[in-house]
PDB file of N, CA and C in Angstrom:
ATOM      1  N   MET A   1      -3.521  32.511 183.307  1.00  0.00           N
ATOM      2  CA  MET A   1      -3.001  32.126 182.040  1.00  0.00           C
ATOM      3  C   MET A   1      -1.631  31.448 182.414  1.00  0.00           C
ATOM      4  N   GLN A   2      -0.732  32.091 183.020  1.00  0.00           N
ATOM      5  CA  GLN A   2       0.570  31.487 183.498  1.00  0.00           C
ATOM      6  C   GLN A   2       0.441  30.330 184.350  1.00  0.00           C
ATOM      7  N   ARG A   3      -0.595  30.067 185.004  1.00  0.00           N
ATOM      8  CA  ARG A   3      -1.078  28.957 185.741  1.00  0.00           C
ATOM      9  C   ARG A   3      -1.198  27.795 184.665  1.00  0.00           C
ATOM     10  N   ASP A   4      -1.911  28.059 183.770  1.00  0.00           N
ATOM     11  CA  ASP A   4      -2.375  27.117 182.589  1.00  0.00           C
ATOM     12  C   ASP A   4      -0.947  26.451 181.981  1.00  0.00           C
ATOM     13  N   PHE A   5      -0.060  27.448 181.800  1.00  0.00           N
ATOM     14  CA  PHE A   5       1.345  27.149 181.228  1.00  0.00           C
ATOM     15  C   PHE A   5       2.041  26.120 181.938  1.00  0.00           C
ATOM     16  N   ASP A   6       2.125  26.738 183.369  1.00  0.00           N
ATOM     17  CA  ASP A   6       2.927  25.783 184.345  1.00  0.00           C
ATOM     18  C   ASP A   6       2.163  24.480 184.271  1.00  0.00           C
ATOM     19  N   ALA A   7       0.913  24.370 184.366  1.00  0.00           N
ATOM     20  CA  ALA A   7       0.437  22.866 184.380  1.00  0.00           C
ATOM     21  C   ALA A   7       0.882  22.227 183.290  1.00  0.00           C
ATOM     22  N   VAL A   8       0.717  22.605 182.075  1.00  0.00           N
ATOM     23  CA  VAL A   8       1.275  21.989 180.919  1.00  0.00           C
ATOM     24  C   VAL A   8       2.508  21.411 181.132  1.00  0.00           C
ATOM     25  N   TYR A   9       3.461  22.386 181.413  1.00  0.00           N
ATOM     26  CA  TYR A   9       5.039  22.222 181.702  1.00  0.00           C
ATOM     27  C   TYR A   9       5.174  21.009 182.795  1.00  0.00           C
ATOM     28  N   THR A  10       4.395  21.350 183.708  1.00  0.00           N
ATOM     29  CA  THR A  10       4.637  20.180 184.858  1.00  0.00           C
ATOM     30  C   THR A  10       3.865  18.631 184.765  1.00  0.00           C
ATOM     31  N   HIS A  11       2.675  18.962 184.076  1.00  0.00           N
ATOM     32  CA  HIS A  11       2.070  17.446 183.963  1.00  0.00           C
ATOM     33  C   HIS A  11       1.770  16.832 182.536  1.00  0.00           C
ATOM     34  N   GLY A  12       2.117  17.524 181.880  1.00  0.00           N
ATOM     35  CA  GLY A  12       2.353  17.374 180.243  1.00  0.00           C
ATOM     36  C   GLY A  12       3.485  16.306 179.673  1.00  0.00           C
ATOM     37  N   LYS A  13       3.069  16.208 178.524  1.00  0.00           N
ATOM     38  CA  LYS A  13       4.490  15.052 177.819  1.00  0.00           C
ATOM     39  C   LYS A  13       4.951  16.161 176.810  1.00  0.00           C
ATOM     40  N   THR A  14       6.283  15.663 176.394  1.00  0.00           N
ATOM     41  CA  THR A  14       7.058  16.586 175.314  1.00  0.00           C
ATOM     42  C   THR A  14       7.378  15.756 174.339  1.00  0.00           C
ATOM     43  N   VAL A  15       7.380  16.288 173.114  1.00  0.00           N
ATOM     44  CA  VAL A  15       8.117  15.745 171.990  1.00  0.00           C
ATOM     45  C   VAL A  15       8.908  16.795 171.352  1.00  0.00           C
ATOM     46  N   LYS A  16      10.160  16.358 171.054  1.00  0.00           N
ATOM     47  CA  LYS A  16      11.170  17.464 170.528  1.00  0.00           C
ATOM     48  C   LYS A  16      11.445  17.140 169.104  1.00  0.00           C
ATOM     49  N   ARG A  17      11.570  18.074 168.468  1.00  0.00           N
ATOM     50  CA  ARG A  17      11.817  18.001 166.872  1.00  0.00           C
ATOM     51  C   ARG A  17      13.187  19.298 166.743  1.00  0.00           C
ATOM     52  N   PRO A  18      13.620  19.058 165.727  1.00  0.00           N
ATOM     53  CA  PRO A  18      14.887  20.060 165.578  1.00  0.00           C
ATOM     54  C   PRO A  18      14.605  21.646 165.562  1.00  0.00           C
ATOM     55  N   SER A  19      13.314  21.900 165.099  1.00  0.00           N
ATOM     56  CA  SER A  19      13.068  23.298 165.207  1.00  0.00           C
ATOM     57  C   SER A  19      12.010  23.817 166.210  1.00  0.00           C
ATOM     58  N   CYS A  20      11.515  22.849 167.107  1.00  0.00           N
ATOM     59  CA  CYS A  20      10.467  22.860 168.126  1.00  0.00           C
ATOM     60  C   CYS A  20      10.463  21.858 169.196  1.00  0.00           C
ATOM     61  N   VAL A  21       9.774  22.345 170.197  1.00  0.00           N
ATOM     62  CA  VAL A  21       9.519  21.333 171.498  1.00  0.00           C
ATOM     63  C   VAL A  21       8.114  21.647 171.363  1.00  0.00           C
ATOM     64  N   PHE A  22       7.355  20.294 171.376  1.00  0.00           N
ATOM     65  CA  PHE A  22       5.863  20.300 171.538  1.00  0.00           C
ATOM     66  C   PHE A  22       5.523  19.762 172.907  1.00  0.00           C
ATOM     67  N   THR A  23       4.861  20.313 173.828  1.00  0.00           N
ATOM     68  CA  THR A  23       4.342  19.945 175.046  1.00  0.00           C
ATOM     69  C   THR A  23       3.169  20.046 174.970  1.00  0.00           C
ATOM     70  N   TRP A  24       2.361  19.075 175.590  1.00  0.00           N
ATOM     71  CA  TRP A  24       0.934  18.990 175.514  1.00  0.00           C
ATOM     72  C   TRP A  24       0.306  18.241 176.774  1.00  0.00           C
ATOM     73  N   ALA A  25      -0.892  18.474 176.986  1.00  0.00           N
ATOM     74  CA  ALA A  25      -1.427  17.916 178.267  1.00  0.00           C
ATOM     75  C   ALA A  25      -3.117  17.908 177.973  1.00  0.00           C
ATOM     76  N   PRO A  26      -3.736  16.803 178.348  1.00  0.00           N
ATOM     77  CA  PRO A  26      -5.265  16.851 178.002  1.00  0.00           C
ATOM     78  C   PRO A  26      -5.924  17.951 178.755  1.00  0.00           C
ATOM     79  N   ASN A  27      -7.106  18.562 178.430  1.00  0.00           N
ATOM     80  CA  ASN A  27      -7.744  19.389 179.210  1.00  0.00           C
ATOM     81  C   ASN A  27      -9.415  18.867 179.317  1.00  0.00           C
ATOM     82  N   THR A  28     -10.082  19.600 179.952  1.00  0.00           N
ATOM     83  CA  THR A  28     -11.470  19.164 180.254  1.00  0.00           C
ATOM     84  C   THR A  28     -12.523  20.106 179.628  1.00  0.00           C
ATOM     85  N   LEU A  29     -11.870  20.930 178.540  1.00  0.00           N
ATOM     86  CA  LEU A  29     -12.570  21.921 177.855  1.00  0.00           C
ATOM     87  C   LEU A  29     -13.385  21.064 176.568  1.00  0.00           C
ATOM     88  N   GLN A  30     -14.195  22.021 175.866  1.00  0.00           N
ATOM     89  CA  GLN A  30     -14.425  21.282 174.698  1.00  0.00           C
ATOM     90  C   GLN A  30     -13.593  21.751 173.369  1.00  0.00           C
ATOM     91  N   PHE A  31     -12.378  22.308 173.732  1.00  0.00           N
ATOM     92  CA  PHE A  31     -11.665  22.784 172.612  1.00  0.00           C
ATOM     93  C   PHE A  31     -10.043  22.688 173.033  1.00  0.00           C
ATOM     94  N   SER A  32      -9.135  22.633 172.059  1.00  0.00           N
ATOM     95  CA  SER A  32      -7.880  22.849 172.354  1.00  0.00           C
ATOM     96  C   SER A  32      -7.532  24.074 172.343  1.00  0.00           C
ATOM     97  N   ARG A  33      -6.388  24.434 173.284  1.00  0.00           N
ATOM     98  CA  ARG A  33      -5.845  25.374 173.304  1.00  0.00           C
ATOM     99  C   ARG A  33      -4.220  25.711 172.846  1.00  0.00           C
ATOM    100  N   PHE A  34      -3.809  26.397 172.369  1.00  0.00           N
ATOM    101  CA  PHE A  34      -2.371  26.695 171.908  1.00  0.00           C
ATOM    102  C   PHE A  34      -1.616  27.802 172.460  1.00  0.00           C
ATOM    103  N   GLY A  35      -0.341  27.490 172.841  1.00  0.00           N
ATOM    104  CA  GLY A  35       0.393  28.576 173.019  1.00  0.00           C
ATOM    105  C   GLY A  35       1.660  28.560 172.681  1.00  0.00           C
ATOM    106  N   VAL A  36       2.169  29.866 172.146  1.00  0.00           N
ATOM    107  CA  VAL A  36       3.647  29.525 171.360  1.00  0.00           C
ATOM    108  C   VAL A  36       4.498  30.486 171.952  1.00  0.00           C
ATOM    109  N   VAL A  37       5.855  29.763 172.193  1.00  0.00           N
ATOM    110  CA  VAL A  37       6.954  30.560 172.902  1.00  0.00           C
ATOM    111  C   VAL A  37       8.174  30.508 172.134  1.00  0.00           C
ATOM    112  N   ALA A  38       8.699  31.673 171.949  1.00  0.00           N
ATOM    113  CA  ALA A  38      10.072  32.070 171.370  1.00  0.00           C
ATOM    114  C   ALA A  38      10.740  32.794 172.059  1.00  0.00           C
ATOM    115  N   GLY A  39      11.681  32.411 172.827  1.00  0.00           N
ATOM    116  CA  GLY A  39      12.739  33.103 173.635  1.00  0.00           C
ATOM    117  C   GLY A  39      13.677  33.885 172.981  1.00  0.00           C
ATOM    118  N   LYS A  40      14.517  34.422 173.332  1.00  0.00           N
ATOM    119  CA  LYS A  40      15.528  35.341 172.842  1.00  0.00           C
ATOM    120  C   LYS A  40      16.509  34.599 172.304  1.00  0.00           C
ATOM    121  N   ARG A  41      16.765  33.321 172.212  1.00  0.00           N
ATOM    122  CA  ARG A  41      17.691  32.825 171.550  1.00  0.00           C
ATOM    123  C   ARG A  41      17.522  32.412 170.339  1.00  0.00           C
ATOM    124  N   VAL A  42      16.055  32.442 169.961  1.00  0.00           N
ATOM    125  CA  VAL A  42      15.652  32.269 168.579  1.00  0.00           C
ATOM    126  C   VAL A  42      16.081  33.487 167.557  1.00  0.00           C
ATOM    127  N   GLY A  43      16.223  34.673 168.134  1.00  0.00           N
ATOM    128  CA  GLY A  43      16.736  35.888 167.369  1.00  0.00           C
ATOM    129  C   GLY A  43      15.959  37.043 167.576  1.00  0.00           C
ATOM    130  N   ALA A  44      16.150  37.993 167.099  1.00  0.00           N
ATOM    131  CA  ALA A  44      15.623  39.497 167.492  1.00  0.00           C
ATOM    132  C   ALA A  44      14.398  39.301 167.404  1.00  0.00           C
ATOM    133  N   ALA A  45      13.536  40.369 167.799  1.00  0.00           N
ATOM    134  CA  ALA A  45      12.192  40.560 168.109  1.00  0.00           C
ATOM    135  C   ALA A  45      11.295  40.342 166.782  1.00  0.00           C
ATOM    136  N   VAL A  46      11.738  40.936 165.768  1.00  0.00           N
ATOM    137  CA  VAL A  46      11.379  40.660 164.525  1.00  0.00           C
ATOM    138  C   VAL A  46      11.379  39.325 163.946  1.00  0.00           C
ATOM    139  N   VAL A  47      12.663  38.696 164.404  1.00  0.00           N
ATOM    140  CA  VAL A  47      12.494  37.300 163.949  1.00  0.00           C
ATOM    141  C   VAL A  47      11.742  36.348 164.843  1.00  0.00           C
ATOM    142  N   ARG A  48      11.414  36.647 166.047  1.00  0.00           N
ATOM    143  CA  ARG A  48      10.510  35.878 167.137  1.00  0.00           C
ATOM    144  C   ARG A  48       9.209  35.911 166.492  1.00  0.00           C
ATOM    145  N   ALA A  49       8.745  37.124 166.297  1.00  0.00           N
ATOM    146  CA  ALA A  49       7.527  37.353 165.909  1.00  0.00           C
ATOM    147  C   ALA A  49       7.291  36.863 164.584  1.00  0.00           C
ATOM    148  N   LEU A  50       7.944  36.636 163.607  1.00  0.00           N
ATOM    149  CA  LEU A  50       7.835  35.983 162.389  1.00  0.00           C
ATOM    150  C   LEU A  50       7.622  34.459 162.734  1.00  0.00           C
ATOM    151  N   VAL A  51       8.316  34.029 163.595  1.00  0.00           N
ATOM    152  CA  VAL A  51       8.449  32.461 163.749  1.00  0.00           C
ATOM    153  C   VAL A  51       7.242  32.183 164.599  1.00  0.00           C
ATOM    154  N   LYS A  52       6.610  32.928 165.480  1.00  0.00           N
ATOM    155  CA  LYS A  52       5.406  33.003 166.217  1.00  0.00           C
ATOM    156  C   LYS A  52       4.313  33.145 165.274  1.00  0.00           C
ATOM    157  N   ARG A  53       4.149  33.796 164.289  1.00  0.00           N
ATOM    158  CA  ARG A  53       3.114  33.885 163.169  1.00  0.00           C
ATOM    159  C   ARG A  53       3.037  32.553 162.333  1.00  0.00           C
ATOM    160  N   ARG A  54       4.333  31.847 162.145  1.00  0.00           N
ATOM    161  CA  ARG A  54       4.258  30.957 161.425  1.00  0.00           C
ATOM    162  C   ARG A  54       3.741  29.693 162.159  1.00  0.00           C
ATOM    163  N   ILE A  55       4.211  29.711 163.497  1.00  0.00           N
ATOM    164  CA  ILE A  55       3.681  28.386 164.252  1.00  0.00           C
ATOM    165  C   ILE A  55       2.402  28.738 164.547  1.00  0.00           C
ATOM    166  N   ARG A  56       1.757  29.857 164.750  1.00  0.00           N
ATOM    167  CA  ARG A  56       0.150  30.115 165.360  1.00  0.00           C
ATOM    168  C   ARG A  56      -0.530  29.699 163.683  1.00  0.00           C
ATOM    169  N   ALA A  57      -0.156  29.998 162.587  1.00  0.00           N
ATOM    170  CA  ALA A  57      -0.753  29.470 161.106  1.00  0.00           C
ATOM    171  C   ALA A  57      -0.797  27.987 161.099  1.00  0.00           C
ATOM    172  N   ILE A  58       0.353  27.343 161.507  1.00  0.00           N
ATOM    173  CA  ILE A  58       0.452  25.944 161.632  1.00  0.00           C
ATOM    174  C   ILE A  58      -0.470  25.325 162.552  1.00  0.00           C
ATOM    175  N   ALA A  59      -0.679  25.872 163.888  1.00  0.00           N
ATOM    176  CA  ALA A  59      -1.397  25.463 164.862  1.00  0.00           C
ATOM    177  C   ALA A  59      -2.961  25.566 164.352  1.00  0.00           C
ATOM    178  N   GLN A  60      -3.350  26.311 163.571  1.00  0.00           N
ATOM    179  CA  GLN A  60      -4.572  26.555 163.010  1.00  0.00           C
ATOM    180  C   GLN A  60      -5.034  25.473 161.957  1.00  0.00           C
ATOM    181  N   GLU A  61      -4.048  24.953 161.627  1.00  0.00           N
ATOM    182  CA  GLU A  61      -4.104  23.915 160.400  1.00  0.00           C
ATOM    183  C   GLU A  61      -4.351  22.568 161.443  1.00  0.00           C
ATOM    184  N   ILE A  62      -3.556  22.498 162.309  1.00  0.00           N
ATOM    185  CA  ILE A  62      -3.656  21.186 163.184  1.00  0.00           C
ATOM    186  C   ILE A  62      -4.908  21.095 164.010  1.00  0.00           C
ATOM    187  N   LYS A  63      -5.380  21.972 164.346  1.00  0.00           N
ATOM    188  CA  LYS A  63      -6.427  22.064 165.360  1.00  0.00           C
ATOM    189  C   LYS A  63      -7.817  21.370 165.122  1.00  0.00           C
ATOM    190  N   ASP A  64      -7.930  21.189 163.729  1.00  0.00           N
ATOM    191  CA  ASP A  64      -9.167  20.288 163.174  1.00  0.00           C
ATOM    192  C   ASP A  64      -8.683  19.027 163.283  1.00  0.00           C
ATOM    193  N   SER A  65      -7.581  18.597 163.403  1.00  0.00           N
ATOM    194  CA  SER A  65      -7.260  17.317 163.336  1.00  0.00           C
ATOM    195  C   SER A  65      -6.923  16.415 164.440  1.00  0.00           C
ATOM    196  N   LEU A  66      -6.946  17.404 165.430  1.00  0.00           N
ATOM    197  CA  LEU A  66      -6.904  16.615 166.989  1.00  0.00           C
ATOM    198  C   LEU A  66      -7.988  15.721 167.128  1.00  0.00           C
ATOM    199  N   ILE A  67      -7.587  14.500 167.975  1.00  0.00           N
ATOM    200  CA  ILE A  67      -8.638  13.492 168.575  1.00  0.00           C
ATOM    201  C   ILE A  67      -9.188  13.904 169.913  1.00  0.00           C
ATOM    202  N   LYS A  68      -8.581  14.803 170.592  1.00  0.00           N
ATOM    203  CA  LYS A  68      -9.049  15.074 171.834  1.00  0.00           C
ATOM    204  C   LYS A  68      -8.540  16.482 172.269  1.00  0.00           C
ATOM    205  N   PRO A  69      -9.491  17.237 173.021  1.00  0.00           N
ATOM    206  CA  PRO A  69      -9.088  18.486 173.583  1.00  0.00           C
ATOM    207  C   PRO A  69      -7.834  18.348 174.231  1.00  0.00           C
ATOM    208  N   SER A  70      -6.925  19.243 174.040  1.00  0.00           N
ATOM    209  CA  SER A  70      -5.731  19.334 174.631  1.00  0.00           C
ATOM    210  C   SER A  70      -5.078  20.868 175.070  1.00  0.00           C
ATOM    211  N   ASP A  71      -4.330  20.957 175.817  1.00  0.00           N
ATOM    212  CA  ASP A  71      -3.505  22.309 175.921  1.00  0.00           C
ATOM    213  C   ASP A  71      -2.102  21.970 175.545  1.00  0.00           C
ATOM    214  N   ILE A  72      -1.643  22.832 174.364  1.00  0.00           N
ATOM    215  CA  ILE A  72      -0.417  22.518 173.629  1.00  0.00           C
ATOM    216  C   ILE A  72       0.276  23.712 173.606  1.00  0.00           C
ATOM    217  N   ILE A  73       1.762  23.600 173.892  1.00  0.00           N
ATOM    218  CA  ILE A  73       2.578  24.735 173.998  1.00  0.00           C
ATOM    219  C   ILE A  73       3.685  24.158 173.069  1.00  0.00           C
ATOM    220  N   ILE A  74       3.852  25.260 172.109  1.00  0.00           N
ATOM    221  CA  ILE A  74       4.790  25.024 170.857  1.00  0.00           C
ATOM    222  C   ILE A  74       5.928  25.791 171.028  1.00  0.00           C
ATOM    223  N   SER A  75       6.976  25.285 171.465  1.00  0.00           N
ATOM    224  CA  SER A  75       8.273  26.308 171.982  1.00  0.00           C
ATOM    225  C   SER A  75       9.201  26.057 170.709  1.00  0.00           C
ATOM    226  N   ALA A  76       9.445  27.365 170.096  1.00  0.00           N
ATOM    227  CA  ALA A  76      10.362  27.542 169.127  1.00  0.00           C
ATOM    228  C   ALA A  76      11.769  27.240 169.591  1.00  0.00           C
ATOM    229  N   ARG A  77      12.606  26.590 168.838  1.00  0.00           N
ATOM    230  CA  ARG A  77      14.118  26.491 169.148  1.00  0.00           C
ATOM    231  C   ARG A  77      14.733  27.421 168.049  1.00  0.00           C
ATOM    232  N   PRO A  78      15.904  27.697 168.516  1.00  0.00           N
ATOM    233  CA  PRO A  78      16.947  28.620 167.356  1.00  0.00           C
ATOM    234  C   PRO A  78      16.857  28.211 165.999  1.00  0.00           C
ATOM    235  N   LEU A  79      16.766  26.864 165.636  1.00  0.00           N
ATOM    236  CA  LEU A  79      16.703  26.447 164.326  1.00  0.00           C
ATOM    237  C   LEU A  79      15.293  27.037 163.465  1.00  0.00           C
ATOM    238  N   ALA A  80      14.450  27.041 164.307  1.00  0.00           N
ATOM    239  CA  ALA A  80      13.078  27.530 163.796  1.00  0.00           C
ATOM    240  C   ALA A  80      13.189  28.710 162.916  1.00  0.00           C
ATOM    241  N   ALA A  81      14.015  29.826 163.239  1.00  0.00           N
ATOM    242  CA  ALA A  81      14.245  31.049 162.505  1.00  0.00           C
ATOM    243  C   ALA A  81      14.895  30.942 161.219  1.00  0.00           C
ATOM    244  N   ARG A  82      15.659  29.730 160.819  1.00  0.00           N
ATOM    245  CA  ARG A  82      16.147  29.599 159.800  1.00  0.00           C
ATOM    246  C   ARG A  82      15.645  28.366 158.779  1.00  0.00           C
ATOM    247  N   ARG A  83      14.343  27.907 159.575  1.00  0.00           N
ATOM    248  CA  ARG A  83      13.731  26.925 158.606  1.00  0.00           C
ATOM    249  C   ARG A  83      12.897  27.585 157.615  1.00  0.00           C
ATOM    250  N   GLU A  84      12.525  26.800 156.472  1.00  0.00           N
ATOM    251  CA  GLU A  84      11.520  27.311 155.771  1.00  0.00           C
ATOM    252  C   GLU A  84      10.039  26.980 156.249  1.00  0.00           C
ATOM    253  N   PHE A  85       8.992  27.585 155.810  1.00  0.00           N
ATOM    254  CA  PHE A  85       7.668  27.451 156.390  1.00  0.00           C
ATOM    255  C   PHE A  85       7.276  25.744 156.183  1.00  0.00           C
ATOM    256  N   ASP A  86       7.623  25.366 155.136  1.00  0.00           N
ATOM    257  CA  ASP A  86       7.115  24.003 154.810  1.00  0.00           C
ATOM    258  C   ASP A  86       7.925  22.913 155.758  1.00  0.00           C
ATOM    259  N   GLU A  87       9.206  23.146 156.037  1.00  0.00           N
ATOM    260  CA  GLU A  87      10.163  22.528 156.882  1.00  0.00           C
ATOM    261  C   GLU A  87       9.646  22.675 158.320  1.00  0.00           C
ATOM    262  N   LEU A  88       9.163  23.944 158.955  1.00  0.00           N
ATOM    263  CA  LEU A  88       8.676  23.944 160.062  1.00  0.00           C
ATOM    264  C   LEU A  88       7.556  23.346 160.270  1.00  0.00           C
ATOM    265  N   ARG A  89       6.265  23.318 159.391  1.00  0.00           N
ATOM    266  CA  ARG A  89       5.276  22.845 159.261  1.00  0.00           C
ATOM    267  C   ARG A  89       5.477  21.402 159.390  1.00  0.00           C
ATOM    268  N   ARG A  90       6.305  20.819 158.793  1.00  0.00           N
ATOM    269  CA  ARG A  90       6.660  19.186 158.802  1.00  0.00           C
ATOM    270  C   ARG A  90       7.058  19.221 160.287  1.00  0.00           C
ATOM    271  N   ASP A  91       8.022  19.661 161.003  1.00  0.00           N
ATOM    272  CA  ASP A  91       8.445  19.450 162.285  1.00  0.00           C
ATOM    273  C   ASP A  91       7.221  19.341 163.159  1.00  0.00           C
ATOM    274  N   ILE A  92       6.302  20.166 162.985  1.00  0.00           N
ATOM    275  CA  ILE A  92       5.119  20.444 163.922  1.00  0.00           C
ATOM    276  C   ILE A  92       4.207  19.387 163.758  1.00  0.00           C
ATOM    277  N   TRP A  93       3.960  18.955 162.393  1.00  0.00           N
ATOM    278  CA  TRP A  93       3.062  17.957 162.337  1.00  0.00           C
ATOM    279  C   TRP A  93       3.551  16.576 162.798  1.00  0.00           C
ATOM    280  N   GLU A  94       4.919  16.526 162.538  1.00  0.00           N
ATOM    281  CA  GLU A  94       5.563  15.131 163.135  1.00  0.00           C
ATOM    282  C   GLU A  94       5.287  14.925 164.574  1.00  0.00           C
ATOM    283  N   ALA A  95       5.594  16.239 165.088  1.00  0.00           N
ATOM    284  CA  ALA A  95       5.567  16.053 166.756  1.00  0.00           C
ATOM    285  C   ALA A  95       4.127  15.959 167.198  1.00  0.00           C
ATOM    286  N   ALA A  96       3.003  16.399 166.457  1.00  0.00           N
ATOM    287  CA  ALA A  96       1.591  16.258 166.795  1.00  0.00           C
ATOM    288  C   ALA A  96       1.356  14.576 166.505  1.00  0.00           C
ATOM    289  N   ARG A  97       1.832  14.100 165.553  1.00  0.00           N
ATOM    290  CA  ARG A  97       1.856  12.701 165.162  1.00  0.00           C
ATOM    291  C   ARG A  97       2.346  11.771 166.149  1.00  0.00           C
ATOM    292  N   ALA A  98       3.716  12.118 166.587  1.00  0.00           N
ATOM    293  CA  ALA A  98       4.548  11.649 167.760  1.00  0.00           C
ATOM    294  C   ALA A  98       3.732  11.369 169.006  1.00  0.00           C
ATOM    295  N   ALA A  99       3.085  12.469 169.274  1.00  0.00           N
ATOM    296  CA  ALA A  99       2.327  12.681 170.551  1.00  0.00           C
ATOM    297  C   ALA A  99       0.979  11.872 170.711  1.00  0.00           C
ATOM    298  N   GLY A 100       0.551  11.303 169.410  1.00  0.00           N
ATOM    299  CA  GLY A 100      -0.702  10.592 169.191  1.00  0.00           C
ATOM    300  C   GLY A 100      -1.837  11.628 169.346  1.00  0.00           C
ATOM    301  N   LEU A 101      -1.787  12.712 169.070  1.00  0.00           N
ATOM    302  CA  LEU A 101      -3.073  13.554 169.134  1.00  0.00           C
ATOM    303  C   LEU A 101      -3.939  13.582 167.666  1.00  0.00           C
ATOM    304  N   LEU A 102      -3.135  13.363 166.748  1.00  0.00           N
ATOM    305  CA  LEU A 102      -4.052  13.354 165.248  1.00  0.00           C
ATOM    306  C   LEU A 102      -4.907  12.184 165.056  1.00  0.00           C
ATOM    307  N   LYS A 103      -6.135  12.643 164.257  1.00  0.00           N
ATOM    308  CA  LYS A 103      -6.848  11.458 163.825  1.00  0.00           C
ATOM    309  C   LYS A 103      -6.211  10.850 162.711  1.00  0.00           C
ATOM    310  N   GLN A 104      -6.594   9.637 162.603  1.00  0.00           N
ATOM    311  CA  GLN A 104      -5.744   8.678 161.756  1.00  0.00           C
ATOM    312  C   GLN A 104      -6.368   8.972 160.407  1.00  0.00           C
TER     313      GLN A 104
END
């Protein structure tokens, strides 16, 4: 698993938004995979868990709109802990759109 994360970070592309960093690389699988990262700068363990739950929920919304299978890592920034769910959703959808991963 760590090897997969390293491959995305090494060979992938990145889009930055105020509340998250969206990193992706195409994969050869029939489906997309999402990874969620929330470091200690985001907040205490309870806060990080909340942010990760929110990001995973948004990733579930996005996965059916992707045009090609990809490995995607969404890294939370400290601002993610202070964002409302809809604001976080907007940032992540904008990042996916900027990455060119969404169906038109």
